[in-house]
Amino acid sequence: MSHKFKVGQRVCRPSHGLPGDGGTGEVFEVLRLMPEDQTGEPGYRIRTQGGERAVRESDLVAAPQA
């Protein structure tokens, strides 16, 4: 499976309206493409307010263009 997002692209975590789902609508920047996990899903390193974190592709959507 290939990566959907590119390095430098702006992405966000969608909010599903459920308590504790972590979706804030905050925009992040893709820093690195990570290898696929055991399920075959690509991963990413993204820049957050607190630094960096790893996320799965299914946890991201493209950020709206400004």
C-alpha atoms as a PDB file:
ATOM      1  CA  MET A   1       0.000   0.000   0.000  1.00  0.00           C
ATOM      2  CA  SER A   2       1.381   3.411  -0.871  1.00  0.00           C
ATOM      3  CA  HIS A   3       1.219   6.533   1.259  1.00  0.00           C
ATOM      4  CA  LYS A   4      -1.752   8.843   0.711  1.00  0.00           C
ATOM      5  CA  PHE A   5      -0.028  11.969   2.104  1.00  0.00           C
ATOM      6  CA  LYS A   6       3.342  13.545   1.285  1.00  0.00           C
ATOM      7  CA  VAL A   7       6.078  15.083   3.444  1.00  0.00           C
ATOM      8  CA  GLY A   8       5.182  18.722   4.122  1.00  0.00           C
ATOM      9  CA  GLN A   9       1.468  18.182   3.497  1.00  0.00           C
ATOM     10  CA  ARG A  10      -1.000  19.620   6.014  1.00  0.00           C
ATOM     11  CA  VAL A  11      -3.335  17.073   7.618  1.00  0.00           C
ATOM     12  CA  CYS A  12      -5.758  16.912  10.517  1.00  0.00           C
ATOM     13  CA  ARG A  13      -7.460  14.327  12.691  1.00  0.00           C
ATOM     14  CA  PRO A  14     -11.193  14.395  12.064  1.00  0.00           C
ATOM     15  CA  SER A  15     -13.545  14.695  15.000  1.00  0.00           C
ATOM     16  CA  HIS A  16     -16.278  12.096  15.009  1.00  0.00           C
ATOM     17  CA  GLY A  17     -18.239  13.838  17.744  1.00  0.00           C
ATOM     18  CA  LEU A  18     -17.520  11.156  20.307  1.00  0.00           C
ATOM     19  CA  PRO A  19     -16.144  11.993  23.753  1.00  0.00           C
ATOM     20  CA  GLY A  20     -12.439  11.231  23.980  1.00  0.00           C
ATOM     21  CA  ASP A  21     -11.967  10.585  20.254  1.00  0.00           C
ATOM     22  CA  GLY A  22      -9.086  13.074  20.153  1.00  0.00           C
ATOM     23  CA  GLY A  23     -10.198  14.756  16.936  1.00  0.00           C
ATOM     24  CA  THR A  24      -9.649  18.456  17.413  1.00  0.00           C
ATOM     25  CA  GLY A  25      -9.565  19.801  13.878  1.00  0.00           C
ATOM     26  CA  GLU A  26      -6.034  21.002  14.643  1.00  0.00           C
ATOM     27  CA  VAL A  27      -3.786  21.079  11.568  1.00  0.00           C
ATOM     28  CA  PHE A  28      -0.505  19.152  11.578  1.00  0.00           C
ATOM     29  CA  GLU A  29       2.402  18.860   9.143  1.00  0.00           C
ATOM     30  CA  VAL A  30       3.654  15.501   7.843  1.00  0.00           C
ATOM     31  CA  LEU A  31       7.337  15.249   8.762  1.00  0.00           C
ATOM     32  CA  ARG A  32       8.208  11.704   7.661  1.00  0.00           C
ATOM     33  CA  LEU A  33       6.671   8.710   5.943  1.00  0.00           C
ATOM     34  CA  MET A  34       6.849   5.593   8.102  1.00  0.00           C
ATOM     35  CA  PRO A  35       6.813   1.960   6.950  1.00  0.00           C
ATOM     36  CA  GLU A  36       3.604  -0.030   6.940  1.00  0.00           C
ATOM     37  CA  ASP A  37       2.592  -1.585  10.253  1.00  0.00           C
ATOM     38  CA  GLN A  38       1.719  -5.273  10.757  1.00  0.00           C
ATOM     39  CA  THR A  39      -1.702  -4.719   9.169  1.00  0.00           C
ATOM     40  CA  GLY A  40      -0.192  -3.156   6.040  1.00  0.00           C
ATOM     41  CA  GLU A  41      -1.317   0.373   6.899  1.00  0.00           C
ATOM     42  CA  PRO A  42       1.185   3.197   6.245  1.00  0.00           C
ATOM     43  CA  GLY A  43       2.237   5.465   9.098  1.00  0.00           C
ATOM     44  CA  TYR A  44       3.449   9.034   9.440  1.00  0.00           C
ATOM     45  CA  ARG A  45       5.379  11.258  11.830  1.00  0.00           C
ATOM     46  CA  ILE A  46       3.512  14.531  12.275  1.00  0.00           C
ATOM     47  CA  ARG A  47       4.411  17.793  14.035  1.00  0.00           C
ATOM     48  CA  THR A  48       2.154  18.598  16.983  1.00  0.00           C
ATOM     49  CA  GLN A  49       2.180  21.381  19.567  1.00  0.00           C
ATOM     50  CA  GLY A  50       4.088  19.090  21.921  1.00  0.00           C
ATOM     51  CA  GLY A  51       6.641  17.898  19.364  1.00  0.00           C
ATOM     52  CA  GLU A  52       6.218  14.870  17.107  1.00  0.00           C
ATOM     53  CA  ARG A  53       4.062  11.783  17.163  1.00  0.00           C
ATOM     54  CA  ALA A  54       3.428   8.722  15.045  1.00  0.00           C
ATOM     55  CA  VAL A  55      -0.027   8.179  13.553  1.00  0.00           C
ATOM     56  CA  ARG A  56      -1.679   5.710  11.213  1.00  0.00           C
ATOM     57  CA  GLU A  57      -2.982   6.825   7.846  1.00  0.00           C
ATOM     58  CA  SER A  58      -6.586   6.018   8.842  1.00  0.00           C
ATOM     59  CA  ASP A  59      -6.313   8.607  11.645  1.00  0.00           C
ATOM     60  CA  LEU A  60      -5.697  11.480   9.198  1.00  0.00           C
ATOM     61  CA  VAL A  61      -7.494  13.462   6.517  1.00  0.00           C
ATOM     62  CA  ALA A  62      -6.146  16.209   4.272  1.00  0.00           C
ATOM     63  CA  ALA A  63      -6.475  19.622   5.906  1.00  0.00           C
ATOM     64  CA  PRO A  64      -8.773  22.094   4.147  1.00  0.00           C
ATOM     65  CA  GLN A  65      -6.874  24.488   1.922  1.00  0.00           C
ATOM     66  CA  ALA A  66      -6.672  28.013   3.315  1.00  0.00           C
END
